């Protein structure tokens, strides 16, 4: 499970993102499209169109950090947004589950043997 400091919020972008973007491009998306402050210390989660790639952006004390995960098979189960919402807020448990549950015809935990 993820261990994050108290008060950190996790924002998932509702629209697919270009996974070629790095910290500067993602921070511009956070400000422009999501209407949030990228240096807030919160986590901003972006998925590819196929939902098989995720990139997380956050501001650490003195710079941006990005974390990426690309699935070999399956897709992430991205939550559906409310109409007109640019982001979905998840708590730490929900984000951890999102990053570990993968659809491959039926929902399975990554690493589960078939």
N, C-alpha and C. Protein backbone atom coordinates (compact mmCIF):
# COMPACT_ATOMS: atom_id res chain seq x y z
N UNK A 1 0.84 -1.18 0.00
CA UNK A 1 0.00 0.00 0.00
C UNK A 1 0.89 1.25 0.00
N UNK A 2 0.40 2.30 -0.60
CA UNK A 2 1.14 3.55 -0.63
C UNK A 2 1.18 4.18 0.75
N UNK A 3 2.29 4.78 1.08
CA UNK A 3 2.43 5.52 2.33
C UNK A 3 2.67 6.99 1.96
N UNK A 4 1.68 7.83 2.26
CA UNK A 4 1.77 9.24 1.92
C UNK A 4 1.56 10.08 3.17
N UNK A 5 2.15 11.28 3.21
CA UNK A 5 1.94 12.16 4.36
C UNK A 5 0.48 12.57 4.51
N UNK A 6 0.08 12.89 5.73
CA UNK A 6 -1.27 13.39 5.99
C UNK A 6 -1.56 14.60 5.11
N UNK A 7 -2.77 14.70 4.65
CA UNK A 7 -3.19 15.86 3.89
C UNK A 7 -2.93 15.79 2.40
N UNK A 8 -2.20 14.77 1.94
CA UNK A 8 -1.94 14.65 0.50
C UNK A 8 -3.21 14.16 -0.16
N UNK A 9 -3.60 14.83 -1.23
CA UNK A 9 -4.78 14.43 -1.99
C UNK A 9 -4.32 13.83 -3.30
N UNK A 10 -5.13 12.95 -3.85
CA UNK A 10 -4.80 12.25 -5.09
C UNK A 10 -5.84 12.61 -6.13
N UNK A 11 -5.41 13.27 -7.19
CA UNK A 11 -6.31 13.72 -8.23
C UNK A 11 -6.04 12.93 -9.51
N UNK A 12 -7.08 12.28 -10.04
CA UNK A 12 -6.97 11.51 -11.28
C UNK A 12 -7.60 12.33 -12.40
N UNK A 13 -6.82 12.58 -13.46
CA UNK A 13 -7.34 13.30 -14.62
C UNK A 13 -8.36 12.42 -15.33
N UNK A 14 -9.49 13.00 -15.72
CA UNK A 14 -10.56 12.23 -16.34
C UNK A 14 -10.37 12.04 -17.83
N UNK A 15 -9.53 12.86 -18.45
CA UNK A 15 -9.26 12.74 -19.88
C UNK A 15 -7.92 12.04 -20.09
N UNK A 16 -7.80 11.21 -21.14
CA UNK A 16 -6.51 10.57 -21.43
C UNK A 16 -5.43 11.62 -21.67
N UNK A 17 -4.20 11.26 -21.34
CA UNK A 17 -3.08 12.18 -21.47
C UNK A 17 -2.03 11.61 -22.40
N UNK A 18 -1.24 12.48 -22.97
CA UNK A 18 -0.12 12.10 -23.82
C UNK A 18 1.00 11.63 -22.90
N UNK A 19 1.33 10.36 -22.95
CA UNK A 19 2.33 9.80 -22.04
C UNK A 19 3.76 10.17 -22.41
N UNK A 20 3.94 10.93 -23.48
CA UNK A 20 5.28 11.45 -23.80
C UNK A 20 5.61 12.65 -22.93
N UNK A 21 4.58 13.23 -22.30
CA UNK A 21 4.81 14.40 -21.45
C UNK A 21 5.60 14.00 -20.21
N UNK A 22 6.51 14.86 -19.83
CA UNK A 22 7.28 14.67 -18.61
C UNK A 22 6.81 15.71 -17.59
N UNK A 23 7.61 16.02 -16.60
CA UNK A 23 7.20 16.87 -15.49
C UNK A 23 6.66 18.24 -15.94
N UNK A 24 7.37 18.92 -16.82
CA UNK A 24 6.92 20.26 -17.22
C UNK A 24 5.59 20.22 -17.97
N UNK A 25 5.45 19.27 -18.89
CA UNK A 25 4.20 19.14 -19.64
C UNK A 25 3.04 18.74 -18.75
N UNK A 26 3.30 17.83 -17.82
CA UNK A 26 2.24 17.40 -16.90
C UNK A 26 1.85 18.53 -15.93
N UNK A 27 2.85 19.29 -15.47
CA UNK A 27 2.52 20.40 -14.56
C UNK A 27 1.68 21.45 -15.29
N UNK A 28 1.94 21.65 -16.59
CA UNK A 28 1.11 22.57 -17.37
C UNK A 28 -0.33 22.04 -17.48
N UNK A 29 -0.49 20.73 -17.61
CA UNK A 29 -1.82 20.14 -17.63
C UNK A 29 -2.53 20.31 -16.29
N UNK A 30 -1.79 20.14 -15.21
CA UNK A 30 -2.37 20.29 -13.88
C UNK A 30 -2.94 21.70 -13.73
N UNK A 31 -2.17 22.70 -14.11
CA UNK A 31 -2.64 24.09 -13.99
C UNK A 31 -3.74 24.42 -14.99
N UNK A 32 -3.49 24.11 -16.27
CA UNK A 32 -4.41 24.53 -17.32
C UNK A 32 -5.69 23.72 -17.39
N UNK A 33 -5.58 22.41 -17.46
CA UNK A 33 -6.76 21.56 -17.66
C UNK A 33 -7.45 21.16 -16.36
N UNK A 34 -6.66 20.93 -15.32
CA UNK A 34 -7.25 20.46 -14.06
C UNK A 34 -7.57 21.60 -13.10
N UNK A 35 -6.98 22.78 -13.32
CA UNK A 35 -7.24 23.92 -12.45
C UNK A 35 -6.68 23.76 -11.05
N UNK A 36 -5.59 23.01 -10.92
CA UNK A 36 -4.96 22.77 -9.62
C UNK A 36 -3.54 23.35 -9.62
N UNK A 37 -2.93 23.43 -8.46
CA UNK A 37 -1.57 23.92 -8.31
C UNK A 37 -0.60 22.74 -8.28
N UNK A 38 0.26 22.59 -9.29
CA UNK A 38 1.14 21.42 -9.36
C UNK A 38 2.17 21.34 -8.23
N UNK A 39 2.51 22.46 -7.61
CA UNK A 39 3.49 22.46 -6.52
C UNK A 39 2.85 22.34 -5.14
N UNK A 40 1.59 21.88 -5.11
CA UNK A 40 0.84 21.78 -3.85
C UNK A 40 1.28 20.61 -2.98
N UNK A 41 2.01 19.66 -3.56
CA UNK A 41 2.39 18.46 -2.82
C UNK A 41 1.40 17.32 -3.01
N UNK A 42 0.29 17.58 -3.70
CA UNK A 42 -0.69 16.54 -3.99
C UNK A 42 -0.21 15.69 -5.17
N UNK A 43 -0.80 14.51 -5.35
CA UNK A 43 -0.47 13.64 -6.46
C UNK A 43 -1.47 13.85 -7.58
N UNK A 44 -0.94 13.91 -8.81
CA UNK A 44 -1.77 14.08 -10.00
C UNK A 44 -1.52 12.87 -10.89
N UNK A 45 -2.59 12.14 -11.19
CA UNK A 45 -2.50 10.86 -11.87
C UNK A 45 -3.07 10.99 -13.28
N UNK A 46 -2.29 10.53 -14.25
CA UNK A 46 -2.68 10.63 -15.66
C UNK A 46 -2.61 9.24 -16.30
N UNK A 47 -3.61 8.90 -17.11
CA UNK A 47 -3.64 7.63 -17.81
C UNK A 47 -3.59 7.84 -19.31
N UNK A 48 -3.06 6.85 -20.01
CA UNK A 48 -3.04 6.87 -21.47
C UNK A 48 -4.44 6.57 -22.00
N UNK A 49 -4.62 6.80 -23.27
CA UNK A 49 -5.91 6.54 -23.91
C UNK A 49 -6.32 5.07 -23.76
N UNK A 50 -5.35 4.16 -23.89
CA UNK A 50 -5.65 2.72 -23.78
C UNK A 50 -5.74 2.25 -22.33
N UNK A 51 -5.43 3.12 -21.39
CA UNK A 51 -5.47 2.82 -19.95
C UNK A 51 -4.51 1.69 -19.56
N UNK A 52 -3.40 1.61 -20.29
CA UNK A 52 -2.39 0.61 -19.96
C UNK A 52 -1.10 1.26 -19.45
N UNK A 53 -1.13 2.59 -19.30
CA UNK A 53 0.04 3.34 -18.86
C UNK A 53 -0.45 4.43 -17.92
N UNK A 54 0.24 4.60 -16.81
CA UNK A 54 -0.11 5.64 -15.84
C UNK A 54 1.15 6.43 -15.51
N UNK A 55 0.99 7.71 -15.33
CA UNK A 55 2.09 8.57 -14.88
C UNK A 55 1.56 9.44 -13.76
N UNK A 56 2.32 9.50 -12.66
CA UNK A 56 1.94 10.29 -11.49
C UNK A 56 2.95 11.41 -11.31
N UNK A 57 2.45 12.60 -11.11
CA UNK A 57 3.30 13.79 -10.90
C UNK A 57 3.06 14.32 -9.50
N UNK A 58 4.15 14.68 -8.82
CA UNK A 58 4.02 15.39 -7.54
C UNK A 58 5.25 16.24 -7.32
N UNK A 59 5.07 17.24 -6.47
CA UNK A 59 6.15 18.16 -6.11
C UNK A 59 6.74 17.70 -4.80
N UNK A 60 8.03 17.42 -4.82
CA UNK A 60 8.76 17.10 -3.61
C UNK A 60 9.38 18.41 -3.14
N UNK A 61 9.97 18.47 -2.02
CA UNK A 61 10.47 19.71 -1.40
C UNK A 61 11.16 20.67 -2.37
N UNK A 62 11.89 20.15 -3.35
CA UNK A 62 12.65 21.05 -4.22
C UNK A 62 12.58 20.70 -5.70
N UNK A 63 11.60 19.90 -6.12
CA UNK A 63 11.47 19.58 -7.54
C UNK A 63 10.34 18.62 -7.82
N UNK A 64 10.02 18.50 -9.11
CA UNK A 64 8.97 17.58 -9.54
C UNK A 64 9.48 16.15 -9.55
N UNK A 65 8.59 15.23 -9.24
CA UNK A 65 8.86 13.80 -9.35
C UNK A 65 7.77 13.19 -10.22
N UNK A 66 8.16 12.24 -11.06
CA UNK A 66 7.18 11.49 -11.82
C UNK A 66 7.42 10.00 -11.58
N UNK A 67 6.34 9.27 -11.53
CA UNK A 67 6.37 7.82 -11.39
C UNK A 67 5.52 7.28 -12.52
N UNK A 68 6.02 6.26 -13.21
CA UNK A 68 5.30 5.67 -14.34
C UNK A 68 5.14 4.18 -14.15
N UNK A 69 4.05 3.65 -14.72
CA UNK A 69 3.83 2.20 -14.74
C UNK A 69 3.15 1.87 -16.05
N UNK A 70 3.75 0.92 -16.79
CA UNK A 70 3.17 0.44 -18.04
C UNK A 70 2.86 -1.03 -17.87
N UNK A 71 1.63 -1.41 -18.18
CA UNK A 71 1.21 -2.80 -18.04
C UNK A 71 1.65 -3.61 -19.25
N UNK A 72 2.06 -4.83 -19.01
CA UNK A 72 2.39 -5.75 -20.09
C UNK A 72 1.12 -6.32 -20.72
N UNK A 73 0.07 -6.47 -19.91
CA UNK A 73 -1.22 -6.97 -20.38
C UNK A 73 -2.31 -6.36 -19.52
N UNK A 74 -3.47 -6.17 -20.11
CA UNK A 74 -4.61 -5.65 -19.36
C UNK A 74 -4.65 -4.14 -19.34
N UNK A 75 -5.61 -3.62 -18.58
CA UNK A 75 -5.83 -2.18 -18.46
C UNK A 75 -6.16 -1.83 -17.02
N UNK A 76 -5.83 -0.60 -16.66
CA UNK A 76 -6.21 -0.10 -15.34
C UNK A 76 -7.72 0.15 -15.33
N UNK A 77 -8.33 -0.02 -14.19
CA UNK A 77 -9.76 0.25 -14.01
C UNK A 77 -9.92 1.68 -13.53
N UNK A 78 -9.93 2.61 -14.46
CA UNK A 78 -9.98 4.04 -14.16
C UNK A 78 -11.40 4.42 -13.75
N UNK A 79 -11.55 5.16 -12.64
CA UNK A 79 -12.90 5.53 -12.19
C UNK A 79 -13.58 6.49 -13.16
N UNK A 80 -14.88 6.35 -13.29
CA UNK A 80 -15.66 7.23 -14.15
C UNK A 80 -15.89 8.56 -13.45
N UNK A 81 -15.69 9.66 -14.16
CA UNK A 81 -15.90 10.98 -13.55
C UNK A 81 -17.37 11.35 -13.55
N UNK A 82 -17.70 12.31 -12.69
CA UNK A 82 -19.03 12.92 -12.77
C UNK A 82 -19.00 13.84 -13.98
N UNK A 83 -20.14 14.03 -14.59
CA UNK A 83 -20.20 14.82 -15.81
C UNK A 83 -19.60 16.22 -15.61
N UNK A 84 -18.73 16.59 -16.54
CA UNK A 84 -18.11 17.91 -16.50
C UNK A 84 -16.93 18.04 -15.57
N UNK A 85 -16.57 17.00 -14.85
CA UNK A 85 -15.45 17.07 -13.90
C UNK A 85 -14.13 16.75 -14.61
N UNK A 86 -13.10 17.55 -14.34
CA UNK A 86 -11.78 17.33 -14.93
C UNK A 86 -10.95 16.33 -14.13
N UNK A 87 -11.35 16.11 -12.85
CA UNK A 87 -10.61 15.20 -11.99
C UNK A 87 -11.55 14.37 -11.14
N UNK A 88 -11.01 13.26 -10.65
CA UNK A 88 -11.68 12.43 -9.66
C UNK A 88 -10.74 12.36 -8.47
N UNK A 89 -11.26 12.60 -7.27
CA UNK A 89 -10.44 12.53 -6.07
C UNK A 89 -10.51 11.12 -5.51
N UNK A 90 -9.33 10.55 -5.18
CA UNK A 90 -9.25 9.23 -4.57
C UNK A 90 -8.48 9.32 -3.27
N UNK A 91 -8.88 8.53 -2.28
CA UNK A 91 -8.05 8.45 -1.08
C UNK A 91 -6.90 7.48 -1.35
N UNK A 92 -5.99 7.36 -0.40
CA UNK A 92 -4.78 6.55 -0.60
C UNK A 92 -5.13 5.09 -0.88
N UNK A 93 -6.08 4.54 -0.15
CA UNK A 93 -6.47 3.15 -0.38
C UNK A 93 -7.02 2.95 -1.78
N UNK A 94 -7.89 3.86 -2.22
CA UNK A 94 -8.47 3.76 -3.56
C UNK A 94 -7.40 3.86 -4.65
N UNK A 95 -6.43 4.78 -4.47
CA UNK A 95 -5.36 4.92 -5.44
C UNK A 95 -4.50 3.66 -5.48
N UNK A 96 -4.18 3.12 -4.33
CA UNK A 96 -3.39 1.90 -4.26
C UNK A 96 -4.11 0.75 -4.98
N UNK A 97 -5.41 0.62 -4.75
CA UNK A 97 -6.18 -0.42 -5.43
C UNK A 97 -6.23 -0.17 -6.94
N UNK A 98 -6.41 1.07 -7.33
CA UNK A 98 -6.44 1.41 -8.75
C UNK A 98 -5.16 0.98 -9.45
N UNK A 99 -4.03 1.18 -8.80
CA UNK A 99 -2.74 0.85 -9.40
C UNK A 99 -2.44 -0.64 -9.38
N UNK A 100 -3.18 -1.42 -8.58
CA UNK A 100 -2.90 -2.84 -8.52
C UNK A 100 -3.98 -3.71 -9.17
N UNK A 101 -5.19 -3.19 -9.36
CA UNK A 101 -6.25 -3.95 -10.03
C UNK A 101 -6.20 -3.68 -11.53
N UNK A 102 -6.24 -4.75 -12.31
CA UNK A 102 -6.12 -4.64 -13.75
C UNK A 102 -7.21 -5.47 -14.41
N UNK A 103 -7.82 -4.93 -15.47
CA UNK A 103 -8.83 -5.67 -16.23
C UNK A 103 -8.15 -6.49 -17.31
N UNK A 104 -8.44 -7.78 -17.37
CA UNK A 104 -7.92 -8.65 -18.43
C UNK A 104 -9.04 -9.55 -18.92
N UNK A 105 -10.22 -9.03 -19.07
CA UNK A 105 -11.38 -9.83 -19.37
C UNK A 105 -12.24 -9.94 -18.12
N UNK A 106 -11.59 -10.19 -17.00
CA UNK A 106 -12.22 -10.11 -15.68
C UNK A 106 -11.20 -9.41 -14.80
N UNK A 107 -11.67 -8.72 -13.78
CA UNK A 107 -10.76 -7.97 -12.91
C UNK A 107 -9.92 -8.94 -12.09
N UNK A 108 -8.61 -8.77 -12.13
CA UNK A 108 -7.70 -9.59 -11.33
C UNK A 108 -6.63 -8.70 -10.75
N UNK A 109 -6.04 -9.13 -9.68
CA UNK A 109 -4.91 -8.40 -9.12
C UNK A 109 -3.69 -8.71 -9.96
N UNK A 110 -2.90 -7.68 -10.25
CA UNK A 110 -1.69 -7.91 -11.01
C UNK A 110 -0.81 -8.89 -10.24
N UNK A 111 -0.19 -9.80 -10.96
CA UNK A 111 0.65 -10.79 -10.32
C UNK A 111 -0.09 -12.08 -10.01
N UNK A 112 -1.44 -12.07 -10.12
CA UNK A 112 -2.23 -13.28 -9.85
C UNK A 112 -2.01 -14.27 -10.98
N UNK A 113 -1.81 -15.53 -10.65
CA UNK A 113 -1.59 -16.57 -11.65
C UNK A 113 -2.92 -17.11 -12.11
N UNK A 114 -3.06 -17.30 -13.41
CA UNK A 114 -4.30 -17.84 -13.99
C UNK A 114 -4.14 -19.31 -14.27
